[in-house]
Amino acid sequence: MLPTGELVVLRPLEPDDADDFWRWHKDPDVGRWLVADYHESFAQTRARFAERKPNSHSNVVLGVETLAEGKLIGAACLEGATPETARAEVSFYLGEKDYWGRGYGTDAMRTLCRYGFEVMRLHSIALWVVPENEAAVRLYKKVGFREDGRHRDAFRGVGRWHDLLLMSLLEGELT
């Protein structure tokens, strides 16, 4: 059974999802806080999606799809997990701006963390976020993440460097 929340379902990515990702990554509002990649053509994006490695314990990449319409609106990833450490890092974003600020991000993050704790048997989930990305910081705190530290000038944004906050959530702290 796929991880399902109140508003979203998390599902494996399909090759056809490349179309949405390519469109999202061209939008400066969506890409503002993402790690900048080298530009790739639409054909290169499609080829990359067609050749994706299968999900595994150490790297789970899922699409965020609305429960009601079945529309892909974002992506969520748990990476770097090992059974020995029971830790993983999360990366997450919504690419469809019409769904921003409507609870879909919160539901997706809760669903992903619940999957990490219950299915992957993780003890700790961590993430890095730019403090100026206030909406993301609020979302992470809302689901229970706490600030652990700061990495100074670690993210190159448009025209300047930004600090990164390290935040984590332990098993049992999900709200």
Protein backbone atom coordinates (compact mmCIF):
# COMPACT_ATOMS: atom_id res chain seq x y z
CA MET A 1 0.00 0.00 0.00
CA LEU A 2 1.30 3.45 -0.92
CA PRO A 3 1.92 5.99 1.87
CA THR A 4 -1.29 7.99 2.07
CA GLY A 5 -2.18 11.10 4.04
CA GLU A 6 -5.37 13.12 4.27
CA LEU A 7 -4.66 15.12 1.08
CA VAL A 8 -1.83 13.29 -0.70
CA VAL A 9 -0.50 9.92 -1.68
CA LEU A 10 3.23 9.31 -2.16
CA ARG A 11 4.05 7.13 -5.13
CA PRO A 12 7.09 6.02 -7.11
CA LEU A 13 8.05 8.30 -9.98
CA GLU A 14 7.23 7.34 -13.54
CA PRO A 15 9.14 8.28 -16.72
CA ASP A 16 6.26 10.56 -17.79
CA ASP A 17 6.71 12.61 -14.59
CA ALA A 18 9.75 14.17 -16.24
CA ASP A 19 7.44 16.60 -18.05
CA ASP A 20 6.23 18.13 -14.77
CA PHE A 21 9.70 18.24 -13.23
CA TRP A 22 11.15 19.96 -16.29
CA ARG A 23 8.39 22.60 -16.14
CA TRP A 24 8.78 23.11 -12.37
CA HIS A 25 12.54 23.54 -12.55
CA LYS A 26 12.15 26.29 -15.15
CA ASP A 27 9.98 28.31 -12.73
CA PRO A 28 12.16 30.72 -10.68
CA ASP A 29 9.71 30.67 -7.74
CA VAL A 30 9.92 26.89 -7.50
CA GLY A 31 13.66 26.69 -8.05
CA ARG A 32 14.62 29.55 -5.75
CA TRP A 33 15.65 27.31 -2.83
CA LEU A 34 16.62 24.19 -4.80
CA VAL A 35 20.23 23.26 -5.38
CA ALA A 36 21.00 24.60 -8.83
CA ASP A 37 21.67 21.98 -11.47
CA TYR A 38 23.23 22.47 -14.84
CA HIS A 39 20.55 23.20 -17.40
CA GLU A 40 19.41 20.18 -19.31
CA SER A 41 17.16 19.84 -22.32
CA PHE A 42 13.70 18.37 -22.16
CA ALA A 43 15.05 15.24 -23.89
CA GLN A 44 17.84 14.92 -21.30
CA THR A 45 15.33 15.25 -18.45
CA ARG A 46 13.15 12.55 -19.98
CA ALA A 47 16.16 10.25 -20.48
CA ARG A 48 17.22 10.75 -16.85
CA PHE A 49 13.76 9.80 -15.63
CA ALA A 50 13.62 6.76 -17.92
CA GLU A 51 16.94 5.53 -16.43
CA ARG A 52 16.12 6.13 -12.74
CA LYS A 53 17.47 3.58 -10.32
CA PRO A 54 14.79 1.71 -8.39
CA ASN A 55 13.93 2.89 -4.89
CA SER A 56 15.87 1.22 -2.10
CA HIS A 57 16.29 1.59 1.65
CA SER A 58 19.13 4.06 1.09
CA ASN A 59 17.32 6.21 -1.49
CA VAL A 60 13.54 6.54 -1.72
CA VAL A 61 12.23 9.11 -4.21
CA LEU A 62 8.48 9.57 -4.36
CA GLY A 63 6.08 11.80 -6.20
CA VAL A 64 3.55 13.79 -4.17
CA GLU A 65 0.14 13.29 -5.76
CA THR A 66 -3.17 14.77 -4.70
CA LEU A 67 -5.54 12.19 -3.30
CA ALA A 68 -8.66 13.77 -4.82
CA GLU A 69 -7.48 14.48 -8.39
CA GLY A 70 -4.46 12.20 -8.76
CA LYS A 71 -2.36 15.19 -9.86
CA LEU A 72 1.41 15.15 -9.36
CA ILE A 73 2.30 18.29 -7.39
CA GLY A 74 5.77 17.65 -5.95
CA ALA A 75 8.52 15.32 -4.85
CA ALA A 76 9.79 13.88 -1.59
CA CYS A 77 12.97 11.93 -0.95
CA LEU A 78 14.54 10.05 1.96
CA GLU A 79 18.21 9.45 1.23
CA GLY A 80 21.33 8.19 2.91
CA ALA A 81 19.45 5.76 5.15
CA THR A 82 21.20 2.73 6.57
CA PRO A 83 19.78 0.10 8.93
CA GLU A 84 22.84 0.57 11.16
CA THR A 85 22.27 4.28 11.83
CA ALA A 86 18.46 4.40 11.41
CA ARG A 87 18.85 7.94 10.04
CA ALA A 88 18.00 9.57 6.72
CA GLU A 89 17.93 13.03 5.18
CA VAL A 90 14.79 14.37 3.58
CA SER A 91 14.43 16.66 0.62
CA PHE A 92 11.03 17.89 -0.39
CA TYR A 93 9.25 20.47 -2.50
CA LEU A 94 5.95 21.22 -4.16
CA GLY A 95 6.32 22.26 -7.79
CA GLU A 96 2.68 23.14 -8.42
CA LYS A 97 2.30 26.64 -6.97
CA ASP A 98 -1.52 26.41 -6.93
CA TYR A 99 -1.13 23.95 -4.04
CA TRP A 100 1.19 26.12 -1.92
CA GLY A 101 -0.22 27.24 1.43
CA ARG A 102 -3.18 24.85 1.30
CA GLY A 103 -1.95 22.07 3.61
CA TYR A 104 -0.62 19.74 0.92
CA GLY A 105 3.02 20.29 1.90
CA THR A 106 2.34 19.64 5.58
CA ASP A 107 0.38 16.50 4.79
CA ALA A 108 3.07 15.26 2.40
CA MET A 109 5.85 15.83 4.96
CA ARG A 110 3.89 14.08 7.72
CA THR A 111 3.14 11.17 5.40
CA LEU A 112 6.79 10.87 4.32
CA CYS A 113 8.08 10.99 7.91
CA ARG A 114 5.48 8.46 9.05
CA TYR A 115 6.66 6.18 6.22
CA GLY A 116 10.28 6.67 7.31
CA PHE A 117 9.56 5.82 10.95
CA GLU A 118 7.02 3.02 10.48
CA VAL A 119 8.15 1.28 7.28
CA MET A 120 11.86 2.07 7.06
CA ARG A 121 12.28 1.84 10.86
CA LEU A 122 14.20 5.10 11.06
CA HIS A 123 14.92 6.78 14.37
CA SER A 124 15.94 10.20 13.03
CA ILE A 125 15.12 12.23 9.93
CA ALA A 126 17.14 15.37 9.19
CA LEU A 127 17.00 18.16 6.63
CA TRP A 128 18.79 21.34 5.61
CA VAL A 129 16.83 24.52 4.88
CA VAL A 130 17.66 28.14 4.11
CA PRO A 131 16.32 30.24 7.04
CA GLU A 132 14.93 32.83 4.60
CA ASN A 133 12.65 30.12 3.19
CA GLU A 134 10.21 30.98 5.96
CA ALA A 135 7.29 28.94 4.62
CA ALA A 136 9.42 25.77 4.61
CA VAL A 137 10.80 26.44 8.10
CA ARG A 138 7.23 26.93 9.41
CA LEU A 139 6.09 23.71 7.72
CA TYR A 140 8.96 21.70 9.20
CA LYS A 141 8.38 23.07 12.69
CA LYS A 142 4.65 22.36 12.34
CA VAL A 143 5.34 18.64 11.86
CA GLY A 144 7.82 18.55 14.76
CA PHE A 145 11.28 19.27 13.33
CA ARG A 146 13.65 21.14 15.65
CA GLU A 147 16.67 23.26 14.79
CA ASP A 148 19.95 21.48 15.55
CA GLY A 149 22.52 23.82 14.08
CA ARG A 150 23.60 26.22 11.36
CA HIS A 151 26.05 25.85 8.49
CA ARG A 152 27.23 29.33 7.55
CA ASP A 153 27.24 30.45 3.89
CA ALA A 154 26.54 26.91 2.69
CA PHE A 155 23.92 27.59 -0.01
CA ARG A 156 24.50 29.72 -3.08
CA GLY A 157 21.25 31.50 -3.86
CA VAL A 158 20.66 33.96 -6.65
CA GLY A 159 23.42 36.50 -6.23
CA ARG A 160 24.51 35.67 -2.67
CA TRP A 161 25.33 33.02 -0.10
CA HIS A 162 22.88 31.87 2.58
CA ASP A 163 23.24 29.92 5.79
CA LEU A 164 21.60 26.52 6.08
CA LEU A 165 19.72 25.34 9.16
CA LEU A 166 20.03 21.70 10.16
CA MET A 167 16.72 20.46 11.52
CA SER A 168 15.81 16.99 12.73
CA LEU A 169 12.84 14.95 13.84
CA LEU A 170 13.16 11.91 16.08
CA GLU A 171 10.87 8.92 16.14
CA GLY A 172 7.97 9.81 18.42
CA GLU A 173 8.15 13.57 17.81
CA LEU A 174 5.99 13.70 14.66
CA THR A 175 3.00 15.99 15.28
